[in-house]
Amino acid sequence: MSLQLPATATLDHAAALAETLPVAVAEAGDTLRIDASALQAYDTSTIALLMQARRLASAAGRGFELLGAPAKLTQLAQLYGVDELLAPCPPSETPAPSSAPRSPPV
């Protein structure tokens, strides 16, 4: 499942969009995918929203992917030095219990 951003995701819309993030993360499966292909009007609050989405996904042990981001949104992220934070990240893996036999206590 992916979260589709609307055509307009500016400061006026950021709070309402942020409220949808916890549900999107909960329903995301392994990876929270944000589809930004419809974005036409956005600003720095959109960058903050995407960073929040990534933080929530990471905290839940899920990956994060930003799909279809307009070139100017990517440039805005670069301008603020956060473009790496909006790059795809793999889901966090919980370490599996060790199957190696334990040595008896000495």
PDB file of N, CA and C in Angstrom:
ATOM      1  N   MET A   1       0.842  -1.182   0.000  1.00  0.00           N
ATOM      2  CA  MET A   1       0.000   0.000   0.000  1.00  0.00           C
ATOM      3  C   MET A   1       0.882   1.239   0.000  1.00  0.00           C
ATOM      4  N   SER A   2       0.457   2.277  -0.702  1.00  0.00           N
ATOM      5  CA  SER A   2       1.204   3.531  -0.682  1.00  0.00           C
ATOM      6  C   SER A   2       0.257   4.675  -0.335  1.00  0.00           C
ATOM      7  N   LEU A   3       0.854   5.700   0.207  1.00  0.00           N
ATOM      8  CA  LEU A   3       0.114   6.907   0.535  1.00  0.00           C
ATOM      9  C   LEU A   3       0.266   7.862  -0.630  1.00  0.00           C
ATOM     10  N   GLN A   4      -0.832   8.240  -1.246  1.00  0.00           N
ATOM     11  CA  GLN A   4      -0.828   9.156  -2.386  1.00  0.00           C
ATOM     12  C   GLN A   4      -0.931  10.584  -1.878  1.00  0.00           C
ATOM     13  N   LEU A   5       0.083  11.392  -2.164  1.00  0.00           N
ATOM     14  CA  LEU A   5      -0.001  12.810  -1.808  1.00  0.00           C
ATOM     15  C   LEU A   5      -0.900  13.518  -2.812  1.00  0.00           C
ATOM     16  N   PRO A   6      -1.644  14.525  -2.360  1.00  0.00           N
ATOM     17  CA  PRO A   6      -2.520  15.265  -3.271  1.00  0.00           C
ATOM     18  C   PRO A   6      -1.714  16.223  -4.146  1.00  0.00           C
ATOM     19  N   ALA A   7      -2.389  16.884  -5.051  1.00  0.00           N
ATOM     20  CA  ALA A   7      -1.723  17.841  -5.929  1.00  0.00           C
ATOM     21  C   ALA A   7      -1.133  19.009  -5.144  1.00  0.00           C
ATOM     22  N   THR A   8      -1.781  19.395  -4.054  1.00  0.00           N
ATOM     23  CA  THR A   8      -1.309  20.503  -3.232  1.00  0.00           C
ATOM     24  C   THR A   8      -0.967  19.998  -1.839  1.00  0.00           C
ATOM     25  N   ALA A   9       0.291  20.200  -1.459  1.00  0.00           N
ATOM     26  CA  ALA A   9       0.755  19.793  -0.129  1.00  0.00           C
ATOM     27  C   ALA A   9       1.630  20.908   0.430  1.00  0.00           C
ATOM     28  N   THR A  10       0.987  22.025   0.724  1.00  0.00           N
ATOM     29  CA  THR A  10       1.704  23.182   1.248  1.00  0.00           C
ATOM     30  C   THR A  10       1.447  23.314   2.749  1.00  0.00           C
ATOM     31  N   LEU A  11       1.969  24.367   3.340  1.00  0.00           N
ATOM     32  CA  LEU A  11       1.830  24.591   4.775  1.00  0.00           C
ATOM     33  C   LEU A  11       0.367  24.523   5.224  1.00  0.00           C
ATOM     34  N   ASP A  12      -0.529  25.026   4.404  1.00  0.00           N
ATOM     35  CA  ASP A  12      -1.955  25.009   4.742  1.00  0.00           C
ATOM     36  C   ASP A  12      -2.510  23.587   4.868  1.00  0.00           C
ATOM     37  N   HIS A  13      -1.851  22.624   4.247  1.00  0.00           N
ATOM     38  CA  HIS A  13      -2.338  21.248   4.227  1.00  0.00           C
ATOM     39  C   HIS A  13      -1.492  20.299   5.072  1.00  0.00           C
ATOM     40  N   ALA A  14      -0.349  20.753   5.536  1.00  0.00           N
ATOM     41  CA  ALA A  14       0.623  19.871   6.195  1.00  0.00           C
ATOM     42  C   ALA A  14       0.068  19.189   7.442  1.00  0.00           C
ATOM     43  N   ALA A  15      -0.640  19.913   8.276  1.00  0.00           N
ATOM     44  CA  ALA A  15      -1.158  19.322   9.519  1.00  0.00           C
ATOM     45  C   ALA A  15      -2.142  18.197   9.227  1.00  0.00           C
ATOM     46  N   ALA A  16      -3.037  18.416   8.280  1.00  0.00           N
ATOM     47  CA  ALA A  16      -4.019  17.382   7.935  1.00  0.00           C
ATOM     48  C   ALA A  16      -3.319  16.162   7.329  1.00  0.00           C
ATOM     49  N   LEU A  17      -2.323  16.399   6.492  1.00  0.00           N
ATOM     50  CA  LEU A  17      -1.587  15.282   5.905  1.00  0.00           C
ATOM     51  C   LEU A  17      -0.799  14.531   6.968  1.00  0.00           C
ATOM     52  N   ALA A  18      -0.211  15.250   7.916  1.00  0.00           N
ATOM     53  CA  ALA A  18       0.561  14.613   8.987  1.00  0.00           C
ATOM     54  C   ALA A  18      -0.317  13.699   9.830  1.00  0.00           C
ATOM     55  N   GLU A  19      -1.574  14.045   9.990  1.00  0.00           N
ATOM     56  CA  GLU A  19      -2.490  13.215  10.765  1.00  0.00           C
ATOM     57  C   GLU A  19      -2.746  11.861  10.101  1.00  0.00           C
ATOM     58  N   THR A  20      -2.537  11.766   8.798  1.00  0.00           N
ATOM     59  CA  THR A  20      -2.766  10.503   8.089  1.00  0.00           C
ATOM     60  C   THR A  20      -1.571   9.558   8.186  1.00  0.00           C
ATOM     61  N   LEU A  21      -0.425  10.063   8.617  1.00  0.00           N
ATOM     62  CA  LEU A  21       0.792   9.260   8.593  1.00  0.00           C
ATOM     63  C   LEU A  21       0.765   8.034   9.507  1.00  0.00           C
ATOM     64  N   PRO A  22       0.323   8.151  10.767  1.00  0.00           N
ATOM     65  CA  PRO A  22       0.344   6.949  11.617  1.00  0.00           C
ATOM     66  C   PRO A  22      -0.465   5.784  11.039  1.00  0.00           C
ATOM     67  N   VAL A  23      -1.613   6.073  10.461  1.00  0.00           N
ATOM     68  CA  VAL A  23      -2.434   5.016   9.859  1.00  0.00           C
ATOM     69  C   VAL A  23      -1.718   4.437   8.634  1.00  0.00           C
ATOM     70  N   ALA A  24      -1.128   5.303   7.834  1.00  0.00           N
ATOM     71  CA  ALA A  24      -0.410   4.842   6.641  1.00  0.00           C
ATOM     72  C   ALA A  24       0.751   3.934   7.033  1.00  0.00           C
ATOM     73  N   VAL A  25       1.467   4.298   8.083  1.00  0.00           N
ATOM     74  CA  VAL A  25       2.578   3.464   8.548  1.00  0.00           C
ATOM     75  C   VAL A  25       2.057   2.124   9.044  1.00  0.00           C
ATOM     76  N   ALA A  26       0.974   2.150   9.813  1.00  0.00           N
ATOM     77  CA  ALA A  26       0.408   0.917  10.356  1.00  0.00           C
ATOM     78  C   ALA A  26      -0.051  -0.037   9.252  1.00  0.00           C
ATOM     79  N   GLU A  27      -0.517   0.506   8.152  1.00  0.00           N
ATOM     80  CA  GLU A  27      -1.036  -0.307   7.047  1.00  0.00           C
ATOM     81  C   GLU A  27       0.011  -0.595   5.972  1.00  0.00           C
ATOM     82  N   ALA A  28       1.232  -0.130   6.185  1.00  0.00           N
ATOM     83  CA  ALA A  28       2.242  -0.143   5.126  1.00  0.00           C
ATOM     84  C   ALA A  28       2.852  -1.497   4.808  1.00  0.00           C
ATOM     85  N   GLY A  29       2.788  -2.454   5.679  1.00  0.00           N
ATOM     86  CA  GLY A  29       3.519  -3.691   5.429  1.00  0.00           C
ATOM     87  C   GLY A  29       4.993  -3.455   5.731  1.00  0.00           C
ATOM     88  N   ASP A  30       5.877  -3.978   4.878  1.00  0.00           N
ATOM     89  CA  ASP A  30       7.324  -3.843   5.097  1.00  0.00           C
ATOM     90  C   ASP A  30       7.837  -2.432   4.863  1.00  0.00           C
ATOM     91  N   THR A  31       7.220  -1.720   3.937  1.00  0.00           N
ATOM     92  CA  THR A  31       7.742  -0.430   3.497  1.00  0.00           C
ATOM     93  C   THR A  31       6.622   0.583   3.327  1.00  0.00           C
ATOM     94  N   LEU A  32       6.825   1.758   3.898  1.00  0.00           N
ATOM     95  CA  LEU A  32       5.905   2.872   3.671  1.00  0.00           C
ATOM     96  C   LEU A  32       6.297   3.515   2.350  1.00  0.00           C
ATOM     97  N   ARG A  33       5.385   3.482   1.416  1.00  0.00           N
ATOM     98  CA  ARG A  33       5.632   4.100   0.111  1.00  0.00           C
ATOM     99  C   ARG A  33       4.769   5.346   0.000  1.00  0.00           C
ATOM    100  N   ILE A  34       5.432   6.454  -0.302  1.00  0.00           N
ATOM    101  CA  ILE A  34       4.743   7.725  -0.499  1.00  0.00           C
ATOM    102  C   ILE A  34       4.797   8.042  -1.984  1.00  0.00           C
ATOM    103  N   ASP A  35       3.639   8.154  -2.602  1.00  0.00           N
ATOM    104  CA  ASP A  35       3.562   8.484  -4.022  1.00  0.00           C
ATOM    105  C   ASP A  35       3.374   9.987  -4.160  1.00  0.00           C
ATOM    106  N   ALA A  36       4.401  10.637  -4.667  1.00  0.00           N
ATOM    107  CA  ALA A  36       4.378  12.095  -4.809  1.00  0.00           C
ATOM    108  C   ALA A  36       4.158  12.530  -6.249  1.00  0.00           C
ATOM    109  N   SER A  37       3.753  11.614  -7.100  1.00  0.00           N
ATOM    110  CA  SER A  37       3.644  11.918  -8.530  1.00  0.00           C
ATOM    111  C   SER A  37       2.579  12.959  -8.861  1.00  0.00           C
ATOM    112  N   ALA A  38       1.577  13.134  -8.000  1.00  0.00           N
ATOM    113  CA  ALA A  38       0.519  14.107  -8.272  1.00  0.00           C
ATOM    114  C   ALA A  38       0.868  15.516  -7.796  1.00  0.00           C
ATOM    115  N   LEU A  39       1.957  15.653  -7.031  1.00  0.00           N
ATOM    116  CA  LEU A  39       2.301  16.968  -6.468  1.00  0.00           C
ATOM    117  C   LEU A  39       2.507  18.020  -7.546  1.00  0.00           C
ATOM    118  N   GLN A  40       1.845  19.142  -7.340  1.00  0.00           N
ATOM    119  CA  GLN A  40       2.027  20.292  -8.218  1.00  0.00           C
ATOM    120  C   GLN A  40       2.397  21.536  -7.417  1.00  0.00           C
ATOM    121  N   ALA A  41       1.835  21.655  -6.218  1.00  0.00           N
ATOM    122  CA  ALA A  41       2.128  22.802  -5.343  1.00  0.00           C
ATOM    123  C   ALA A  41       2.642  22.237  -4.025  1.00  0.00           C
ATOM    124  N   TYR A  42       3.860  22.627  -3.653  1.00  0.00           N
ATOM    125  CA  TYR A  42       4.489  22.133  -2.433  1.00  0.00           C
ATOM    126  C   TYR A  42       5.489  23.167  -1.964  1.00  0.00           C
ATOM    127  N   ASP A  43       5.940  22.994  -0.732  1.00  0.00           N
ATOM    128  CA  ASP A  43       6.909  23.921  -0.152  1.00  0.00           C
ATOM    129  C   ASP A  43       7.745  23.172   0.871  1.00  0.00           C
ATOM    130  N   THR A  44       8.453  23.897   1.705  1.00  0.00           N
ATOM    131  CA  THR A  44       9.322  23.246   2.684  1.00  0.00           C
ATOM    132  C   THR A  44       8.542  22.409   3.689  1.00  0.00           C
ATOM    133  N   SER A  45       7.280  22.724   3.913  1.00  0.00           N
ATOM    134  CA  SER A  45       6.487  21.902   4.828  1.00  0.00           C
ATOM    135  C   SER A  45       6.283  20.497   4.253  1.00  0.00           C
ATOM    136  N   THR A  46       6.319  20.360   2.942  1.00  0.00           N
ATOM    137  CA  THR A  46       6.218  19.049   2.307  1.00  0.00           C
ATOM    138  C   THR A  46       7.460  18.221   2.640  1.00  0.00           C
ATOM    139  N   ILE A  47       8.620  18.878   2.623  1.00  0.00           N
ATOM    140  CA  ILE A  47       9.869  18.208   2.998  1.00  0.00           C
ATOM    141  C   ILE A  47       9.761  17.736   4.446  1.00  0.00           C
ATOM    142  N   ALA A  48       9.275  18.609   5.334  1.00  0.00           N
ATOM    143  CA  ALA A  48       9.120  18.241   6.746  1.00  0.00           C
ATOM    144  C   ALA A  48       8.152  17.066   6.901  1.00  0.00           C
ATOM    145  N   LEU A  49       7.085  17.075   6.140  1.00  0.00           N
ATOM    146  CA  LEU A  49       6.105  15.986   6.180  1.00  0.00           C
ATOM    147  C   LEU A  49       6.750  14.666   5.758  1.00  0.00           C
ATOM    148  N   LEU A  50       7.532  14.692   4.699  1.00  0.00           N
ATOM    149  CA  LEU A  50       8.188  13.481   4.223  1.00  0.00           C
ATOM    150  C   LEU A  50       9.221  12.975   5.223  1.00  0.00           C
ATOM    151  N   MET A  51       9.927  13.898   5.858  1.00  0.00           N
ATOM    152  CA  MET A  51      10.894  13.497   6.881  1.00  0.00           C
ATOM    153  C   MET A  51      10.181  12.863   8.076  1.00  0.00           C
ATOM    154  N   GLN A  52       9.032  13.414   8.443  1.00  0.00           N
ATOM    155  CA  GLN A  52       8.245  12.840   9.532  1.00  0.00           C
ATOM    156  C   GLN A  52       7.769  11.434   9.151  1.00  0.00           C
ATOM    157  N   ALA A  53       7.342  11.268   7.923  1.00  0.00           N
ATOM    158  CA  ALA A  53       6.894   9.953   7.459  1.00  0.00           C
ATOM    159  C   ALA A  53       8.027   8.942   7.547  1.00  0.00           C
ATOM    160  N   ARG A  54       9.208   9.362   7.142  1.00  0.00           N
ATOM    161  CA  ARG A  54      10.364   8.458   7.214  1.00  0.00           C
ATOM    162  C   ARG A  54      10.688   8.101   8.660  1.00  0.00           C
ATOM    163  N   ARG A  55      10.652   9.082   9.553  1.00  0.00           N
ATOM    164  CA  ARG A  55      10.935   8.816  10.972  1.00  0.00           C
ATOM    165  C   ARG A  55       9.924   7.833  11.554  1.00  0.00           C
ATOM    166  N   LEU A  56       8.647   8.034  11.246  1.00  0.00           N
ATOM    167  CA  LEU A  56       7.614   7.134  11.756  1.00  0.00           C
ATOM    168  C   LEU A  56       7.787   5.715  11.200  1.00  0.00           C
ATOM    169  N   ALA A  57       8.115   5.623   9.921  1.00  0.00           N
ATOM    170  CA  ALA A  57       8.335   4.313   9.313  1.00  0.00           C
ATOM    171  C   ALA A  57       9.525   3.617   9.970  1.00  0.00           C
ATOM    172  N   SER A  58      10.584   4.349  10.152  1.00  0.00           N
ATOM    173  CA  SER A  58      11.778   3.780  10.774  1.00  0.00           C
ATOM    174  C   SER A  58      11.493   3.320  12.202  1.00  0.00           C
ATOM    175  N   ALA A  59      10.771   4.136  12.960  1.00  0.00           N
ATOM    176  CA  ALA A  59      10.430   3.783  14.338  1.00  0.00           C
ATOM    177  C   ALA A  59       9.571   2.526  14.399  1.00  0.00           C
ATOM    178  N   ALA A  60       8.803   2.276  13.353  1.00  0.00           N
ATOM    179  CA  ALA A  60       7.944   1.094  13.295  1.00  0.00           C
ATOM    180  C   ALA A  60       8.655  -0.095  12.644  1.00  0.00           C
ATOM    181  N   GLY A  61       9.940   0.078  12.311  1.00  0.00           N
ATOM    182  CA  GLY A  61      10.696  -1.007  11.697  1.00  0.00           C
ATOM    183  C   GLY A  61      10.373  -1.233  10.235  1.00  0.00           C
ATOM    184  N   ARG A  62       9.864  -0.202   9.581  1.00  0.00           N
ATOM    185  CA  ARG A  62       9.505  -0.316   8.168  1.00  0.00           C
ATOM    186  C   ARG A  62      10.466   0.510   7.314  1.00  0.00           C
ATOM    187  N   GLY A  63      10.542   0.135   6.057  1.00  0.00           N
ATOM    188  CA  GLY A  63      11.325   0.904   5.108  1.00  0.00           C
ATOM    189  C   GLY A  63      10.537   2.131   4.668  1.00  0.00           C
ATOM    190  N   PHE A  64      11.166   2.946   3.843  1.00  0.00           N
ATOM    191  CA  PHE A  64      10.543   4.167   3.340  1.00  0.00           C
ATOM    192  C   PHE A  64      10.953   4.340   1.891  1.00  0.00           C
ATOM    193  N   GLU A  65       9.990   4.622   1.039  1.00  0.00           N
ATOM    194  CA  GLU A  65      10.266   4.929  -0.360  1.00  0.00           C
ATOM    195  C   GLU A  65       9.424   6.119  -0.786  1.00  0.00           C
ATOM    196  N   LEU A  66      10.071   7.043  -1.449  1.00  0.00           N
ATOM    197  CA  LEU A  66       9.384   8.184  -2.036  1.00  0.00           C
ATOM    198  C   LEU A  66       9.324   7.930  -3.529  1.00  0.00           C
ATOM    199  N   LEU A  67       8.125   7.826  -4.057  1.00  0.00           N
ATOM    200  CA  LEU A  67       7.923   7.501  -5.467  1.00  0.00           C
ATOM    201  C   LEU A  67       7.428   8.721  -6.232  1.00  0.00           C
ATOM    202  N   GLY A  68       7.922   8.899  -7.447  1.00  0.00           N
ATOM    203  CA  GLY A  68       7.401   9.927  -8.342  1.00  0.00           C
ATOM    204  C   GLY A  68       7.598  11.353  -7.891  1.00  0.00           C
ATOM    205  N   ALA A  69       8.635  11.612  -7.116  1.00  0.00           N
ATOM    206  CA  ALA A  69       8.861  12.981  -6.627  1.00  0.00           C
ATOM    207  C   ALA A  69       9.223  13.903  -7.788  1.00  0.00           C
ATOM    208  N   PRO A  70       8.566  15.049  -7.868  1.00  0.00           N
ATOM    209  CA  PRO A  70       8.930  16.018  -8.901  1.00  0.00           C
ATOM    210  C   PRO A  70      10.389  16.455  -8.726  1.00  0.00           C
ATOM    211  N   ALA A  71      11.040  16.752  -9.821  1.00  0.00           N
ATOM    212  CA  ALA A  71      12.450  17.150  -9.790  1.00  0.00           C
ATOM    213  C   ALA A  71      12.679  18.356  -8.878  1.00  0.00           C
ATOM    214  N   LYS A  72      11.766  19.310  -8.894  1.00  0.00           N
ATOM    215  CA  LYS A  72      11.947  20.511  -8.068  1.00  0.00           C
ATOM    216  C   LYS A  72      11.819  20.199  -6.577  1.00  0.00           C
ATOM    217  N   LEU A  73      11.030  19.183  -6.225  1.00  0.00           N
ATOM    218  CA  LEU A  73      10.946  18.774  -4.824  1.00  0.00           C
ATOM    219  C   LEU A  73      12.278  18.164  -4.394  1.00  0.00           C
ATOM    220  N   THR A  74      12.861  17.367  -5.261  1.00  0.00           N
ATOM    221  CA  THR A  74      14.174  16.780  -4.982  1.00  0.00           C
ATOM    222  C   THR A  74      15.222  17.883  -4.853  1.00  0.00           C
ATOM    223  N   GLN A  75      15.161  18.888  -5.705  1.00  0.00           N
ATOM    224  CA  GLN A  75      16.091  20.015  -5.624  1.00  0.00           C
ATOM    225  C   GLN A  75      15.910  20.789  -4.318  1.00  0.00           C
ATOM    226  N   LEU A  76      14.668  20.938  -3.874  1.00  0.00           N
ATOM    227  CA  LEU A  76      14.393  21.619  -2.615  1.00  0.00           C
ATOM    228  C   LEU A  76      14.993  20.826  -1.455  1.00  0.00           C
ATOM    229  N   ALA A  77      14.860  19.524  -1.503  1.00  0.00           N
ATOM    230  CA  ALA A  77      15.453  18.675  -0.465  1.00  0.00           C
ATOM    231  C   ALA A  77      16.976  18.806  -0.480  1.00  0.00           C
ATOM    232  N   GLN A  78      17.561  18.875  -1.662  1.00  0.00           N
ATOM    233  CA  GLN A  78      19.014  19.060  -1.770  1.00  0.00           C
ATOM    234  C   GLN A  78      19.430  20.408  -1.201  1.00  0.00           C
ATOM    235  N   LEU A  79      18.653  21.443  -1.481  1.00  0.00           N
ATOM    236  CA  LEU A  79      18.954  22.781  -0.984  1.00  0.00           C
ATOM    237  C   LEU A  79      19.024  22.804   0.540  1.00  0.00           C
ATOM    238  N   TYR A  80      18.134  22.047   1.179  1.00  0.00           N
ATOM    239  CA  TYR A  80      18.107  21.993   2.640  1.00  0.00           C
ATOM    240  C   TYR A  80      18.988  20.885   3.213  1.00  0.00           C
ATOM    241  N   GLY A  81      19.672  20.153   2.337  1.00  0.00           N
ATOM    242  CA  GLY A  81      20.607  19.134   2.789  1.00  0.00           C
ATOM    243  C   GLY A  81      19.954  17.883   3.348  1.00  0.00           C
ATOM    244  N   VAL A  82      18.730  17.590   2.939  1.00  0.00           N
ATOM    245  CA  VAL A  82      18.025  16.419   3.467  1.00  0.00           C
ATOM    246  C   VAL A  82      17.663  15.421   2.370  1.00  0.00           C
ATOM    247  N   ASP A  83      18.250  15.579   1.200  1.00  0.00           N
ATOM    248  CA  ASP A  83      17.896  14.681   0.105  1.00  0.00           C
ATOM    249  C   ASP A  83      18.231  13.233   0.429  1.00  0.00           C
ATOM    250  N   GLU A  84      19.287  12.984   1.185  1.00  0.00           N
ATOM    251  CA  GLU A  84      19.621  11.604   1.553  1.00  0.00           C
ATOM    252  C   GLU A  84      18.564  11.013   2.487  1.00  0.00           C
ATOM    253  N   LEU A  85      17.945  11.846   3.313  1.00  0.00           N
ATOM    254  CA  LEU A  85      16.917  11.360   4.232  1.00  0.00           C
ATOM    255  C   LEU A  85      15.649  10.936   3.502  1.00  0.00           C
ATOM    256  N   LEU A  86      15.458  11.470   2.313  1.00  0.00           N
ATOM    257  CA  LEU A  86      14.261  11.135   1.551  1.00  0.00           C
ATOM    258  C   LEU A  86      14.512  10.022   0.537  1.00  0.00           C
ATOM    259  N   ALA A  87      15.745   9.520   0.507  1.00  0.00           N
ATOM    260  CA  ALA A  87      16.069   8.396  -0.369  1.00  0.00           C
ATOM    261  C   ALA A  87      15.470   7.121   0.231  1.00  0.00           C
ATOM    262  N   PRO A  88      15.273   6.119  -0.597  1.00  0.00           N
ATOM    263  CA  PRO A  88      14.720   4.866  -0.067  1.00  0.00           C
ATOM    264  C   PRO A  88      15.589   4.294   1.047  1.00  0.00           C
ATOM    265  N   CYS A  89      14.950   3.713   2.025  1.00  0.00           N
ATOM    266  CA  CYS A  89      15.684   2.998   3.064  1.00  0.00           C
ATOM    267  C   CYS A  89      15.023   1.650   3.260  1.00  0.00           C
ATOM    268  N   PRO A  90      15.830   0.625   3.554  1.00  0.00           N
ATOM    269  CA  PRO A  90      15.263  -0.708   3.741  1.00  0.00           C
ATOM    270  C   PRO A  90      14.540  -0.800   5.078  1.00  0.00           C
ATOM    271  N   PRO A  91      13.630  -1.765   5.201  1.00  0.00           N
ATOM    272  CA  PRO A  91      12.977  -1.964   6.489  1.00  0.00           C
ATOM    273  C   PRO A  91      14.010  -2.391   7.523  1.00  0.00           C
ATOM    274  N   SER A  92      13.797  -1.997   8.750  1.00  0.00           N
ATOM    275  CA  SER A  92      14.675  -2.440   9.826  1.00  0.00           C
ATOM    276  C   SER A  92      14.414  -3.911  10.065  1.00  0.00           C
ATOM    277  N   GLU A  93      15.483  -4.630  10.272  1.00  0.00           N
ATOM    278  CA  GLU A  93      15.334  -6.053  10.549  1.00  0.00           C
ATOM    279  C   GLU A  93      15.601  -6.302  12.019  1.00  0.00           C
ATOM    280  N   THR A  94      14.735  -7.067  12.618  1.00  0.00           N
ATOM    281  CA  THR A  94      14.948  -7.464  13.997  1.00  0.00           C
ATOM    282  C   THR A  94      15.937  -8.614  13.972  1.00  0.00           C
ATOM    283  N   PRO A  95      17.024  -8.514  14.741  1.00  0.00           N
ATOM    284  CA  PRO A  95      18.008  -9.590  14.715  1.00  0.00           C
ATOM    285  C   PRO A  95      17.375 -10.915  15.149  1.00  0.00           C
ATOM    286  N   ALA A  96      17.688 -11.949  14.406  1.00  0.00           N
ATOM    287  CA  ALA A  96      17.182 -13.277  14.744  1.00  0.00           C
ATOM    288  C   ALA A  96      17.960 -13.809  15.938  1.00  0.00           C
ATOM    289  N   PRO A  97      17.297 -14.592  16.771  1.00  0.00           N
ATOM    290  CA  PRO A  97      18.023 -15.176  17.896  1.00  0.00           C
ATOM    291  C   PRO A  97      19.145 -16.063  17.382  1.00  0.00           C
ATOM    292  N   SER A  98      20.232 -16.043  18.090  1.00  0.00           N
ATOM    293  CA  SER A  98      21.382 -16.841  17.693  1.00  0.00           C
ATOM    294  C   SER A  98      21.056 -18.324  17.813  1.00  0.00           C
ATOM    295  N   SER A  99      21.417 -19.077  16.781  1.00  0.00           N
ATOM    296  CA  SER A  99      21.186 -20.511  16.830  1.00  0.00           C
ATOM    297  C   SER A  99      22.441 -21.261  17.240  1.00  0.00           C
ATOM    298  N   ALA A 100      23.512 -20.518  17.517  1.00  0.00           N
ATOM    299  CA  ALA A 100      24.753 -21.150  17.950  1.00  0.00           C
ATOM    300  C   ALA A 100      24.577 -21.695  19.353  1.00  0.00           C
ATOM    301  N   PRO A 101      25.119 -22.883  19.601  1.00  0.00           N
ATOM    302  CA  PRO A 101      25.005 -23.436  20.943  1.00  0.00           C
ATOM    303  C   PRO A 101      25.764 -22.584  21.956  1.00  0.00           C
ATOM    304  N   ARG A 102      25.210 -22.469  23.124  1.00  0.00           N
ATOM    305  CA  ARG A 102      25.855 -21.702  24.179  1.00  0.00           C
ATOM    306  C   ARG A 102      26.825 -22.578  24.943  1.00  0.00           C
ATOM    307  N   SER A 103      27.886 -21.969  25.389  1.00  0.00           N
ATOM    308  CA  SER A 103      28.827 -22.680  26.237  1.00  0.00           C
ATOM    309  C   SER A 103      28.267 -22.696  27.651  1.00  0.00           C
ATOM    310  N   PRO A 104      28.482 -23.794  28.370  1.00  0.00           N
ATOM    311  CA  PRO A 104      28.007 -23.810  29.761  1.00  0.00           C
ATOM    312  C   PRO A 104      28.796 -22.808  30.599  1.00  0.00           C
ATOM    313  N   PRO A 105      28.146 -22.234  31.615  1.00  0.00           N
ATOM    314  CA  PRO A 105      28.863 -21.265  32.455  1.00  0.00           C
ATOM    315  C   PRO A 105      30.030 -21.958  33.146  1.00  0.00           C
ATOM    316  N   VAL A 106      31.074 -21.198  33.346  1.00  0.00           N
ATOM    317  CA  VAL A 106      32.280 -21.734  33.993  1.00  0.00           C
ATOM    318  C   VAL A 106      32.335 -21.342  35.432  1.00  0.00           C
TER     319      VAL A 106
END
